[in-house]
All heavy atoms as atom14 arrays in JSON, in Angstrom:
{
  "sequence": "IYLIRHGITEANLEGKYIGLTDSYLSPVGIEEIFDKKEKLYYPPVQK",
  "atom14_mask": [
    [1, 1, 1, 1, 1, 1, 1, 1, 0, 0, 0, 0, 0, 0],
    [1, 1, 1, 1, 1, 1, 1, 1, 1, 1, 1, 1, 0, 0],
    [1, 1, 1, 1, 1, 1, 1, 1, 0, 0, 0, 0, 0, 0],
    [1, 1, 1, 1, 1, 1, 1, 1, 0, 0, 0, 0, 0, 0],
    [1, 1, 1, 1, 1, 1, 1, 1, 1, 1, 1, 0, 0, 0],
    [1, 1, 1, 1, 1, 1, 1, 1, 1, 1, 0, 0, 0, 0],
    [1, 1, 1, 1, 0, 0, 0, 0, 0, 0, 0, 0, 0, 0],
    [1, 1, 1, 1, 1, 1, 1, 1, 0, 0, 0, 0, 0, 0],
    [1, 1, 1, 1, 1, 1, 1, 0, 0, 0, 0, 0, 0, 0],
    [1, 1, 1, 1, 1, 1, 1, 1, 1, 0, 0, 0, 0, 0],
    [1, 1, 1, 1, 1, 0, 0, 0, 0, 0, 0, 0, 0, 0],
    [1, 1, 1, 1, 1, 1, 1, 1, 0, 0, 0, 0, 0, 0],
    [1, 1, 1, 1, 1, 1, 1, 1, 0, 0, 0, 0, 0, 0],
    [1, 1, 1, 1, 1, 1, 1, 1, 1, 0, 0, 0, 0, 0],
    [1, 1, 1, 1, 0, 0, 0, 0, 0, 0, 0, 0, 0, 0],
    [1, 1, 1, 1, 1, 1, 1, 1, 1, 0, 0, 0, 0, 0],
    [1, 1, 1, 1, 1, 1, 1, 1, 1, 1, 1, 1, 0, 0],
    [1, 1, 1, 1, 1, 1, 1, 1, 0, 0, 0, 0, 0, 0],
    [1, 1, 1, 1, 0, 0, 0, 0, 0, 0, 0, 0, 0, 0],
    [1, 1, 1, 1, 1, 1, 1, 1, 0, 0, 0, 0, 0, 0],
    [1, 1, 1, 1, 1, 1, 1, 0, 0, 0, 0, 0, 0, 0],
    [1, 1, 1, 1, 1, 1, 1, 1, 0, 0, 0, 0, 0, 0],
    [1, 1, 1, 1, 1, 1, 0, 0, 0, 0, 0, 0, 0, 0],
    [1, 1, 1, 1, 1, 1, 1, 1, 1, 1, 1, 1, 0, 0],
    [1, 1, 1, 1, 1, 1, 1, 1, 0, 0, 0, 0, 0, 0],
    [1, 1, 1, 1, 1, 1, 0, 0, 0, 0, 0, 0, 0, 0],
    [1, 1, 1, 1, 1, 1, 1, 0, 0, 0, 0, 0, 0, 0],
    [1, 1, 1, 1, 1, 1, 1, 0, 0, 0, 0, 0, 0, 0],
    [1, 1, 1, 1, 0, 0, 0, 0, 0, 0, 0, 0, 0, 0],
    [1, 1, 1, 1, 1, 1, 1, 1, 0, 0, 0, 0, 0, 0],
    [1, 1, 1, 1, 1, 1, 1, 1, 1, 0, 0, 0, 0, 0],
    [1, 1, 1, 1, 1, 1, 1, 1, 1, 0, 0, 0, 0, 0],
    [1, 1, 1, 1, 1, 1, 1, 1, 0, 0, 0, 0, 0, 0],
    [1, 1, 1, 1, 1, 1, 1, 1, 1, 1, 1, 0, 0, 0],
    [1, 1, 1, 1, 1, 1, 1, 1, 0, 0, 0, 0, 0, 0],
    [1, 1, 1, 1, 1, 1, 1, 1, 1, 0, 0, 0, 0, 0],
    [1, 1, 1, 1, 1, 1, 1, 1, 1, 0, 0, 0, 0, 0],
    [1, 1, 1, 1, 1, 1, 1, 1, 1, 0, 0, 0, 0, 0],
    [1, 1, 1, 1, 1, 1, 1, 1, 1, 0, 0, 0, 0, 0],
    [1, 1, 1, 1, 1, 1, 1, 1, 0, 0, 0, 0, 0, 0],
    [1, 1, 1, 1, 1, 1, 1, 1, 1, 1, 1, 1, 0, 0],
    [1, 1, 1, 1, 1, 1, 1, 1, 1, 1, 1, 1, 0, 0],
    [1, 1, 1, 1, 1, 1, 1, 0, 0, 0, 0, 0, 0, 0],
    [1, 1, 1, 1, 1, 1, 1, 0, 0, 0, 0, 0, 0, 0],
    [1, 1, 1, 1, 1, 1, 1, 0, 0, 0, 0, 0, 0, 0],
    [1, 1, 1, 1, 1, 1, 1, 1, 1, 0, 0, 0, 0, 0],
    [1, 1, 1, 1, 1, 1, 1, 1, 1, 0, 0, 0, 0, 0]
  ],
  "atom14_positions": [
    [[2.24, 7.33, -16.92], [2.16, 6.1, -16.12], [2.61, 6.41, -14.7], [3.67, 7.01, -14.49], [3.05, 4.99, -16.73], [2.55, 4.65, -18.13], [3.06, 3.76, -15.83], [3.44, 3.68, -18.87], [0.0, 0.0, 0.0], [0.0, 0.0, 0.0], [0.0, 0.0, 0.0], [0.0, 0.0, 0.0], [0.0, 0.0, 0.0], [0.0, 0.0, 0.0]],
    [[1.8, 6.02, -13.73], [2.12, 6.22, -12.32], [2.47, 4.87, -11.72], [1.73, 3.9, -11.88], [0.92, 6.81, -11.57], [0.48, 8.13, -12.11], [-0.52, 8.22, -13.07], [1.07, 9.31, -11.67], [-0.92, 9.44, -13.58], [0.68, 10.54, -12.17], [-0.31, 10.59, -13.13], [-0.69, 11.81, -13.64], [0.0, 0.0, 0.0], [0.0, 0.0, 0.0]],
    [[3.58, 4.79, -11.01], [3.98, 3.57, -10.32], [3.8, 3.79, -8.83], [4.37, 4.72, -8.26], [5.44, 3.22, -10.63], [5.76, 2.99, -12.1], [7.25, 2.75, -12.27], [4.96, 1.83, -12.66], [0.0, 0.0, 0.0], [0.0, 0.0, 0.0], [0.0, 0.0, 0.0], [0.0, 0.0, 0.0], [0.0, 0.0, 0.0], [0.0, 0.0, 0.0]],
    [[2.98, 2.96, -8.21], [2.68, 3.1, -6.79], [2.96, 1.77, -6.11], [2.49, 0.72, -6.55], [1.21, 3.51, -6.58], [0.95, 4.84, -7.27], [0.87, 3.58, -5.1], [-0.5, 5.25, -7.29], [0.0, 0.0, 0.0], [0.0, 0.0, 0.0], [0.0, 0.0, 0.0], [0.0, 0.0, 0.0], [0.0, 0.0, 0.0], [0.0, 0.0, 0.0]],
    [[3.72, 1.82, -5.03], [4.04, 0.6, -4.29], [2.85, 0.21, -3.41], [2.1, 1.06, -2.94], [5.27, 0.84, -3.41], [5.82, -0.43, -2.8], [7.1, -0.13, -2.02], [7.81, -1.33, -1.66], [7.47, -2.14, -0.67], [6.41, -1.88, 0.06], [8.19, -3.21, -0.39], [0.0, 0.0, 0.0], [0.0, 0.0, 0.0], [0.0, 0.0, 0.0]],
    [[2.71, -1.07, -3.17], [1.62, -1.57, -2.33], [1.74, -1.04, -0.91], [2.8, -0.6, -0.47], [1.59, -3.11, -2.32], [2.79, -3.74, -1.72], [3.0, -3.82, -0.38], [3.87, -4.32, -2.3], [4.15, -4.43, -0.14], [4.7, -4.73, -1.31], [0.0, 0.0, 0.0], [0.0, 0.0, 0.0], [0.0, 0.0, 0.0], [0.0, 0.0, 0.0]],
    [[0.64, -1.12, -0.17], [0.63, -0.69, 1.22], [1.35, -1.68, 2.13], [1.84, -2.73, 1.7], [0.0, 0.0, 0.0], [0.0, 0.0, 0.0], [0.0, 0.0, 0.0], [0.0, 0.0, 0.0], [0.0, 0.0, 0.0], [0.0, 0.0, 0.0], [0.0, 0.0, 0.0], [0.0, 0.0, 0.0], [0.0, 0.0, 0.0], [0.0, 0.0, 0.0]],
    [[1.39, -1.35, 3.39], [2.13, -2.14, 4.39], [1.37, -3.42, 4.76], [0.18, -3.4, 5.02], [2.37, -1.3, 5.66], [3.26, -0.1, 5.32], [2.99, -2.12, 6.77], [3.4, 0.89, 6.45], [0.0, 0.0, 0.0], [0.0, 0.0, 0.0], [0.0, 0.0, 0.0], [0.0, 0.0, 0.0], [0.0, 0.0, 0.0], [0.0, 0.0, 0.0]],
    [[2.1, -4.53, 4.83], [1.54, -5.81, 5.27], [1.98, -6.06, 6.71], [2.85, -5.37, 7.23], [2.03, -6.96, 4.37], [3.44, -7.1, 4.55], [1.72, -6.71, 2.91], [0.0, 0.0, 0.0], [0.0, 0.0, 0.0], [0.0, 0.0, 0.0], [0.0, 0.0, 0.0], [0.0, 0.0, 0.0], [0.0, 0.0, 0.0], [0.0, 0.0, 0.0]],
    [[1.4, -7.08, 7.33], [1.82, -7.45, 8.69], [3.3, -7.83, 8.7], [4.04, -7.49, 9.61], [0.97, -8.61, 9.22], [-0.46, -8.24, 9.55], [-0.6, -7.24, 10.68], [0.29, -7.18, 11.58], [-1.59, -6.5, 10.69], [0.0, 0.0, 0.0], [0.0, 0.0, 0.0], [0.0, 0.0, 0.0], [0.0, 0.0, 0.0], [0.0, 0.0, 0.0]],
    [[3.73, -8.54, 7.68], [5.14, -8.95, 7.6], [6.05, -7.73, 7.51], [7.12, -7.71, 8.12], [5.36, -9.87, 6.41], [0.0, 0.0, 0.0], [0.0, 0.0, 0.0], [0.0, 0.0, 0.0], [0.0, 0.0, 0.0], [0.0, 0.0, 0.0], [0.0, 0.0, 0.0], [0.0, 0.0, 0.0], [0.0, 0.0, 0.0], [0.0, 0.0, 0.0]],
    [[5.63, -6.71, 6.76], [6.42, -5.47, 6.67], [6.57, -4.85, 8.06], [7.65, -4.38, 8.42], [5.78, -4.46, 5.74], [5.72, -4.88, 4.29], [4.76, -4.56, 3.6], [6.73, -5.58, 3.81], [0.0, 0.0, 0.0], [0.0, 0.0, 0.0], [0.0, 0.0, 0.0], [0.0, 0.0, 0.0], [0.0, 0.0, 0.0], [0.0, 0.0, 0.0]],
    [[5.5, -4.84, 8.82], [5.53, -4.26, 10.16], [6.47, -5.03, 11.08], [7.06, -4.47, 11.99], [4.13, -4.21, 10.77], [3.16, -3.23, 10.1], [1.75, -3.41, 10.7], [3.62, -1.8, 10.27], [0.0, 0.0, 0.0], [0.0, 0.0, 0.0], [0.0, 0.0, 0.0], [0.0, 0.0, 0.0], [0.0, 0.0, 0.0], [0.0, 0.0, 0.0]],
    [[6.62, -6.34, 10.83], [7.51, -7.19, 11.63], [8.95, -7.17, 11.1], [9.81, -7.85, 11.64], [6.98, -8.63, 11.62], [5.63, -8.76, 12.3], [5.0, -10.12, 12.07], [5.64, -11.0, 11.43], [3.85, -10.31, 12.51], [0.0, 0.0, 0.0], [0.0, 0.0, 0.0], [0.0, 0.0, 0.0], [0.0, 0.0, 0.0], [0.0, 0.0, 0.0]],
    [[9.19, -6.39, 10.03], [10.53, -6.28, 9.48], [10.94, -7.47, 8.62], [12.12, -7.7, 8.39], [0.0, 0.0, 0.0], [0.0, 0.0, 0.0], [0.0, 0.0, 0.0], [0.0, 0.0, 0.0], [0.0, 0.0, 0.0], [0.0, 0.0, 0.0], [0.0, 0.0, 0.0], [0.0, 0.0, 0.0], [0.0, 0.0, 0.0], [0.0, 0.0, 0.0]],
    [[9.97, -8.23, 8.14], [10.26, -9.41, 7.34], [10.18, -9.08, 5.85], [9.33, -8.3, 5.42], [9.24, -10.52, 7.63], [9.3, -11.05, 9.03], [8.24, -12.1, 9.23], [8.23, -12.61, 10.66], [7.13, -13.55, 10.88], [0.0, 0.0, 0.0], [0.0, 0.0, 0.0], [0.0, 0.0, 0.0], [0.0, 0.0, 0.0], [0.0, 0.0, 0.0]],
    [[11.06, -9.7, 5.08], [11.0, -9.62, 3.64], [10.15, -10.79, 3.17], [10.46, -11.94, 3.48], [12.4, -9.69, 3.03], [12.39, -9.78, 1.53], [12.12, -8.65, 0.76], [12.6, -10.98, 0.89], [12.07, -8.72, -0.62], [12.57, -11.08, -0.49], [12.29, -9.94, -1.24], [12.25, -10.02, -2.61], [0.0, 0.0, 0.0], [0.0, 0.0, 0.0]],
    [[9.07, -10.53, 2.44], [8.16, -11.61, 2.08], [8.22, -11.98, 0.59], [7.63, -12.98, 0.19], [6.71, -11.31, 2.5], [6.21, -10.0, 1.91], [6.59, -11.33, 4.0], [4.75, -9.72, 2.19], [0.0, 0.0, 0.0], [0.0, 0.0, 0.0], [0.0, 0.0, 0.0], [0.0, 0.0, 0.0], [0.0, 0.0, 0.0], [0.0, 0.0, 0.0]],
    [[8.91, -11.2, -0.21], [9.07, -11.54, -1.62], [7.77, -11.83, -2.32], [6.87, -11.0, -2.33], [0.0, 0.0, 0.0], [0.0, 0.0, 0.0], [0.0, 0.0, 0.0], [0.0, 0.0, 0.0], [0.0, 0.0, 0.0], [0.0, 0.0, 0.0], [0.0, 0.0, 0.0], [0.0, 0.0, 0.0], [0.0, 0.0, 0.0], [0.0, 0.0, 0.0]],
    [[7.63, -13.04, -2.87], [6.42, -13.41, -3.59], [5.36, -14.05, -2.71], [4.33, -14.51, -3.21], [6.76, -14.36, -4.74], [7.58, -13.74, -5.87], [7.94, -14.79, -6.91], [6.82, -12.6, -6.52], [0.0, 0.0, 0.0], [0.0, 0.0, 0.0], [0.0, 0.0, 0.0], [0.0, 0.0, 0.0], [0.0, 0.0, 0.0], [0.0, 0.0, 0.0]],
    [[5.6, -14.11, -1.39], [4.6, -14.65, -0.48], [3.35, -13.79, -0.61], [3.4, -12.57, -0.57], [5.11, -14.63, 0.97], [6.31, -15.37, 1.04], [4.08, -15.21, 1.93], [0.0, 0.0, 0.0], [0.0, 0.0, 0.0], [0.0, 0.0, 0.0], [0.0, 0.0, 0.0], [0.0, 0.0, 0.0], [0.0, 0.0, 0.0], [0.0, 0.0, 0.0]],
    [[2.21, -14.43, -0.79], [0.96, -13.7, -1.01], [0.31, -13.37, 0.33], [-0.17, -14.26, 1.03], [0.03, -14.55, -1.87], [-0.96, -13.72, -2.66], [-0.87, -12.48, -2.62], [-1.82, -14.32, -3.32], [0.0, 0.0, 0.0], [0.0, 0.0, 0.0], [0.0, 0.0, 0.0], [0.0, 0.0, 0.0], [0.0, 0.0, 0.0], [0.0, 0.0, 0.0]],
    [[0.31, -12.12, 0.7], [-0.3, -11.71, 1.96], [-1.14, -10.46, 1.76], [-0.94, -9.7, 0.81], [0.78, -11.45, 3.02], [1.61, -10.39, 2.6], [0.0, 0.0, 0.0], [0.0, 0.0, 0.0], [0.0, 0.0, 0.0], [0.0, 0.0, 0.0], [0.0, 0.0, 0.0], [0.0, 0.0, 0.0], [0.0, 0.0, 0.0], [0.0, 0.0, 0.0]],
    [[-2.08, -10.27, 2.67], [-2.97, -9.11, 2.62], [-2.31, -7.9, 3.27], [-1.37, -8.04, 4.05], [-4.28, -9.42, 3.35], [-5.15, -10.42, 2.62], [-5.2, -11.74, 3.03], [-5.9, -10.03, 1.53], [-6.0, -12.66, 2.36], [-6.72, -10.94, 0.86], [-6.76, -12.25, 1.28], [-7.55, -13.15, 0.62], [0.0, 0.0, 0.0], [0.0, 0.0, 0.0]],
    [[-2.88, -6.74, 3.0], [-2.44, -5.53, 3.67], [-2.84, -5.59, 5.14], [-3.85, -6.21, 5.49], [-3.1, -4.29, 3.05], [-2.75, -3.98, 1.6], [-3.56, -2.77, 1.14], [-1.28, -3.73, 1.43], [0.0, 0.0, 0.0], [0.0, 0.0, 0.0], [0.0, 0.0, 0.0], [0.0, 0.0, 0.0], [0.0, 0.0, 0.0], [0.0, 0.0, 0.0]],
    [[-2.08, -4.93, 5.98], [-2.46, -4.82, 7.39], [-3.48, -3.68, 7.52], [-3.59, -2.84, 6.62], [-1.23, -4.5, 8.23], [-0.78, -3.18, 7.94], [0.0, 0.0, 0.0], [0.0, 0.0, 0.0], [0.0, 0.0, 0.0], [0.0, 0.0, 0.0], [0.0, 0.0, 0.0], [0.0, 0.0, 0.0], [0.0, 0.0, 0.0], [0.0, 0.0, 0.0]],
    [[-4.23, -3.64, 8.62], [-5.14, -2.52, 8.83], [-4.4, -1.17, 8.79], [-4.92, -0.18, 8.28], [-5.73, -2.79, 10.22], [-5.66, -4.27, 10.36], [-4.39, -4.67, 9.66], [0.0, 0.0, 0.0], [0.0, 0.0, 0.0], [0.0, 0.0, 0.0], [0.0, 0.0, 0.0], [0.0, 0.0, 0.0], [0.0, 0.0, 0.0], [0.0, 0.0, 0.0]],
    [[-3.17, -1.16, 9.3], [-2.35, 0.05, 9.25], [-2.06, 0.43, 7.8], [-2.14, 1.6, 7.42], [-1.01, -0.16, 10.02], [-0.07, 1.01, 9.81], [-1.27, -0.39, 11.49], [0.0, 0.0, 0.0], [0.0, 0.0, 0.0], [0.0, 0.0, 0.0], [0.0, 0.0, 0.0], [0.0, 0.0, 0.0], [0.0, 0.0, 0.0], [0.0, 0.0, 0.0]],
    [[-1.76, -0.56, 6.98], [-1.48, -0.32, 5.57], [-2.68, 0.26, 4.83], [-2.54, 1.19, 4.03], [0.0, 0.0, 0.0], [0.0, 0.0, 0.0], [0.0, 0.0, 0.0], [0.0, 0.0, 0.0], [0.0, 0.0, 0.0], [0.0, 0.0, 0.0], [0.0, 0.0, 0.0], [0.0, 0.0, 0.0], [0.0, 0.0, 0.0], [0.0, 0.0, 0.0]],
    [[-3.86, -0.28, 5.1], [-5.08, 0.21, 4.46], [-5.36, 1.64, 4.89], [-5.65, 2.51, 4.06], [-6.27, -0.71, 4.78], [-6.06, -2.08, 4.12], [-7.59, -0.08, 4.32], [-7.04, -3.15, 4.54], [0.0, 0.0, 0.0], [0.0, 0.0, 0.0], [0.0, 0.0, 0.0], [0.0, 0.0, 0.0], [0.0, 0.0, 0.0], [0.0, 0.0, 0.0]],
    [[-5.25, 1.9, 6.19], [-5.48, 3.25, 6.71], [-4.5, 4.25, 6.09], [-4.88, 5.36, 5.72], [-5.34, 3.24, 8.23], [-5.63, 4.59, 8.87], [-5.49, 4.52, 10.39], [-5.83, 3.48, 10.97], [-5.04, 5.52, 10.96], [0.0, 0.0, 0.0], [0.0, 0.0, 0.0], [0.0, 0.0, 0.0], [0.0, 0.0, 0.0], [0.0, 0.0, 0.0]],
    [[-3.25, 3.83, 5.96], [-2.22, 4.71, 5.4], [-2.5, 5.03, 3.93], [-2.3, 6.16, 3.49], [-0.85, 4.04, 5.53], [0.29, 4.93, 5.13], [1.62, 4.25, 5.37], [1.96, 3.32, 4.6], [2.31, 4.65, 6.32], [0.0, 0.0, 0.0], [0.0, 0.0, 0.0], [0.0, 0.0, 0.0], [0.0, 0.0, 0.0], [0.0, 0.0, 0.0]],
    [[-2.98, 4.07, 3.18], [-3.31, 4.31, 1.77], [-4.4, 5.37, 1.66], [-4.3, 6.32, 0.89], [-3.75, 3.02, 1.07], [-2.57, 2.08, 0.92], [-4.36, 3.32, -0.31], [-2.96, 0.7, 0.48], [0.0, 0.0, 0.0], [0.0, 0.0, 0.0], [0.0, 0.0, 0.0], [0.0, 0.0, 0.0], [0.0, 0.0, 0.0], [0.0, 0.0, 0.0]],
    [[-5.47, 5.2, 2.44], [-6.56, 6.18, 2.37], [-6.12, 7.54, 2.88], [-6.55, 8.57, 2.35], [-7.8, 5.68, 3.13], [-8.58, 4.67, 2.34], [-8.57, 3.34, 2.7], [-9.32, 5.05, 1.24], [-9.29, 2.4, 1.97], [-10.04, 4.13, 0.49], [-10.02, 2.8, 0.86], [0.0, 0.0, 0.0], [0.0, 0.0, 0.0], [0.0, 0.0, 0.0]],
    [[-5.26, 7.57, 3.88], [-4.73, 8.84, 4.39], [-3.93, 9.55, 3.3], [-4.1, 10.74, 3.05], [-3.88, 8.61, 5.63], [-3.4, 9.89, 6.27], [-4.25, 10.79, 6.5], [-2.19, 10.02, 6.52], [0.0, 0.0, 0.0], [0.0, 0.0, 0.0], [0.0, 0.0, 0.0], [0.0, 0.0, 0.0], [0.0, 0.0, 0.0], [0.0, 0.0, 0.0]],
    [[-3.04, 8.81, 2.65], [-2.24, 9.39, 1.57], [-3.11, 9.81, 0.4], [-2.88, 10.83, -0.24], [-1.17, 8.41, 1.1], [-0.04, 8.26, 2.08], [1.02, 7.32, 1.57], [2.15, 7.22, 2.56], [3.23, 6.36, 2.07], [0.0, 0.0, 0.0], [0.0, 0.0, 0.0], [0.0, 0.0, 0.0], [0.0, 0.0, 0.0], [0.0, 0.0, 0.0]],
    [[-4.13, 9.02, 0.11], [-5.03, 9.35, -0.98], [-5.75, 10.67, -0.7], [-5.94, 11.49, -1.6], [-6.05, 8.23, -1.17], [-7.01, 8.46, -2.3], [-7.97, 7.3, -2.43], [-9.01, 7.61, -3.47], [-9.99, 6.55, -3.61], [0.0, 0.0, 0.0], [0.0, 0.0, 0.0], [0.0, 0.0, 0.0], [0.0, 0.0, 0.0], [0.0, 0.0, 0.0]],
    [[-6.12, 10.87, 0.57], [-6.82, 12.09, 0.96], [-5.9, 13.31, 0.89], [-6.3, 14.38, 0.49], [-7.36, 11.93, 2.38], [-8.18, 13.1, 2.86], [-8.7, 12.86, 4.26], [-9.37, 11.83, 4.47], [-8.42, 13.7, 5.13], [0.0, 0.0, 0.0], [0.0, 0.0, 0.0], [0.0, 0.0, 0.0], [0.0, 0.0, 0.0], [0.0, 0.0, 0.0]],
    [[-4.63, 13.14, 1.27], [-3.69, 14.26, 1.35], [-2.99, 14.56, 0.03], [-2.57, 15.68, -0.2], [-2.64, 13.99, 2.42], [-3.23, 14.02, 3.81], [-2.19, 13.73, 4.85], [-2.83, 13.76, 6.23], [-1.88, 13.38, 7.26], [0.0, 0.0, 0.0], [0.0, 0.0, 0.0], [0.0, 0.0, 0.0], [0.0, 0.0, 0.0], [0.0, 0.0, 0.0]],
    [[-2.83, 13.56, -0.82], [-2.12, 13.73, -2.09], [-3.12, 13.75, -3.23], [-4.24, 13.27, -3.12], [-1.12, 12.6, -2.3], [-0.04, 12.43, -1.24], [0.79, 11.19, -1.53], [0.86, 13.65, -1.2], [0.0, 0.0, 0.0], [0.0, 0.0, 0.0], [0.0, 0.0, 0.0], [0.0, 0.0, 0.0], [0.0, 0.0, 0.0], [0.0, 0.0, 0.0]],
    [[-2.68, 14.27, -4.32], [-3.53, 14.31, -5.5], [-3.25, 13.11, -6.39], [-2.16, 12.95, -6.9], [-3.3, 15.6, -6.29], [-4.06, 15.65, -7.57], [-5.44, 15.83, -7.56], [-3.42, 15.5, -8.79], [-6.16, 15.87, -8.73], [-4.14, 15.54, -9.97], [-5.5, 15.72, -9.93], [-6.2, 15.75, -11.09], [0.0, 0.0, 0.0], [0.0, 0.0, 0.0]],
    [[-4.23, 12.25, -6.53], [-4.14, 11.14, -7.46], [-5.08, 11.48, -8.62], [-6.29, 11.53, -8.44], [-4.57, 9.82, -6.83], [-3.57, 9.27, -5.85], [-3.77, 9.39, -4.49], [-2.42, 8.64, -6.3], [-2.85, 8.88, -3.59], [-1.5, 8.13, -5.41], [-1.72, 8.25, -4.06], [-0.81, 7.75, -3.18], [0.0, 0.0, 0.0], [0.0, 0.0, 0.0]],
    [[-4.54, 11.73, -9.79], [-5.4, 12.1, -10.93], [-6.29, 10.94, -11.36], [-5.97, 9.78, -11.1], [-4.4, 12.46, -12.02], [-3.16, 11.74, -11.66], [-3.14, 11.62, -10.17], [0.0, 0.0, 0.0], [0.0, 0.0, 0.0], [0.0, 0.0, 0.0], [0.0, 0.0, 0.0], [0.0, 0.0, 0.0], [0.0, 0.0, 0.0], [0.0, 0.0, 0.0]],
    [[-7.39, 11.26, -12.01], [-8.25, 10.18, -12.51], [-7.49, 9.34, -13.54], [-6.68, 9.88, -14.29], [-9.43, 10.91, -13.16], [-9.1, 12.35, -13.15], [-7.89, 12.58, -12.31], [0.0, 0.0, 0.0], [0.0, 0.0, 0.0], [0.0, 0.0, 0.0], [0.0, 0.0, 0.0], [0.0, 0.0, 0.0], [0.0, 0.0, 0.0], [0.0, 0.0, 0.0]],
    [[-7.75, 8.07, -13.54], [-7.07, 7.17, -14.47], [-8.1, 6.38, -15.27], [-9.24, 6.21, -14.84], [-6.12, 6.2, -13.75], [-5.0, 6.95, -13.07], [-6.86, 5.34, -12.75], [0.0, 0.0, 0.0], [0.0, 0.0, 0.0], [0.0, 0.0, 0.0], [0.0, 0.0, 0.0], [0.0, 0.0, 0.0], [0.0, 0.0, 0.0], [0.0, 0.0, 0.0]],
    [[-7.67, 5.9, -16.41], [-8.56, 5.09, -17.26], [-8.4, 3.6, -16.97], [-9.34, 2.84, -17.09], [-8.27, 5.37, -18.73], [-8.63, 6.77, -19.14], [-8.25, 7.05, -20.59], [-7.48, 6.31, -21.2], [-8.79, 8.12, -21.13], [0.0, 0.0, 0.0], [0.0, 0.0, 0.0], [0.0, 0.0, 0.0], [0.0, 0.0, 0.0], [0.0, 0.0, 0.0]],
    [[-7.21, 3.2, -16.6], [-6.93, 1.79, -16.35], [-5.99, 1.64, -15.16], [-5.16, 2.5, -14.91], [-6.27, 1.14, -17.56], [-7.09, 1.22, -18.81], [-7.02, -0.08, -19.54], [-7.83, 0.07, -20.81], [-8.74, -0.97, -21.01], [0.0, 0.0, 0.0], [0.0, 0.0, 0.0], [0.0, 0.0, 0.0], [0.0, 0.0, 0.0], [0.0, 0.0, 0.0]]
  ]
}
């Protein structure tokens, strides 16, 4: 089992704790996920 934390949101960039507030990833967060995915090895998963 792999545990991966979500990417960065706008609130994260502003230093805010958002808890259960439902927000989308920031463009920086999305870019960072794909960058990490390209540089790190994520094995194939079934679920």
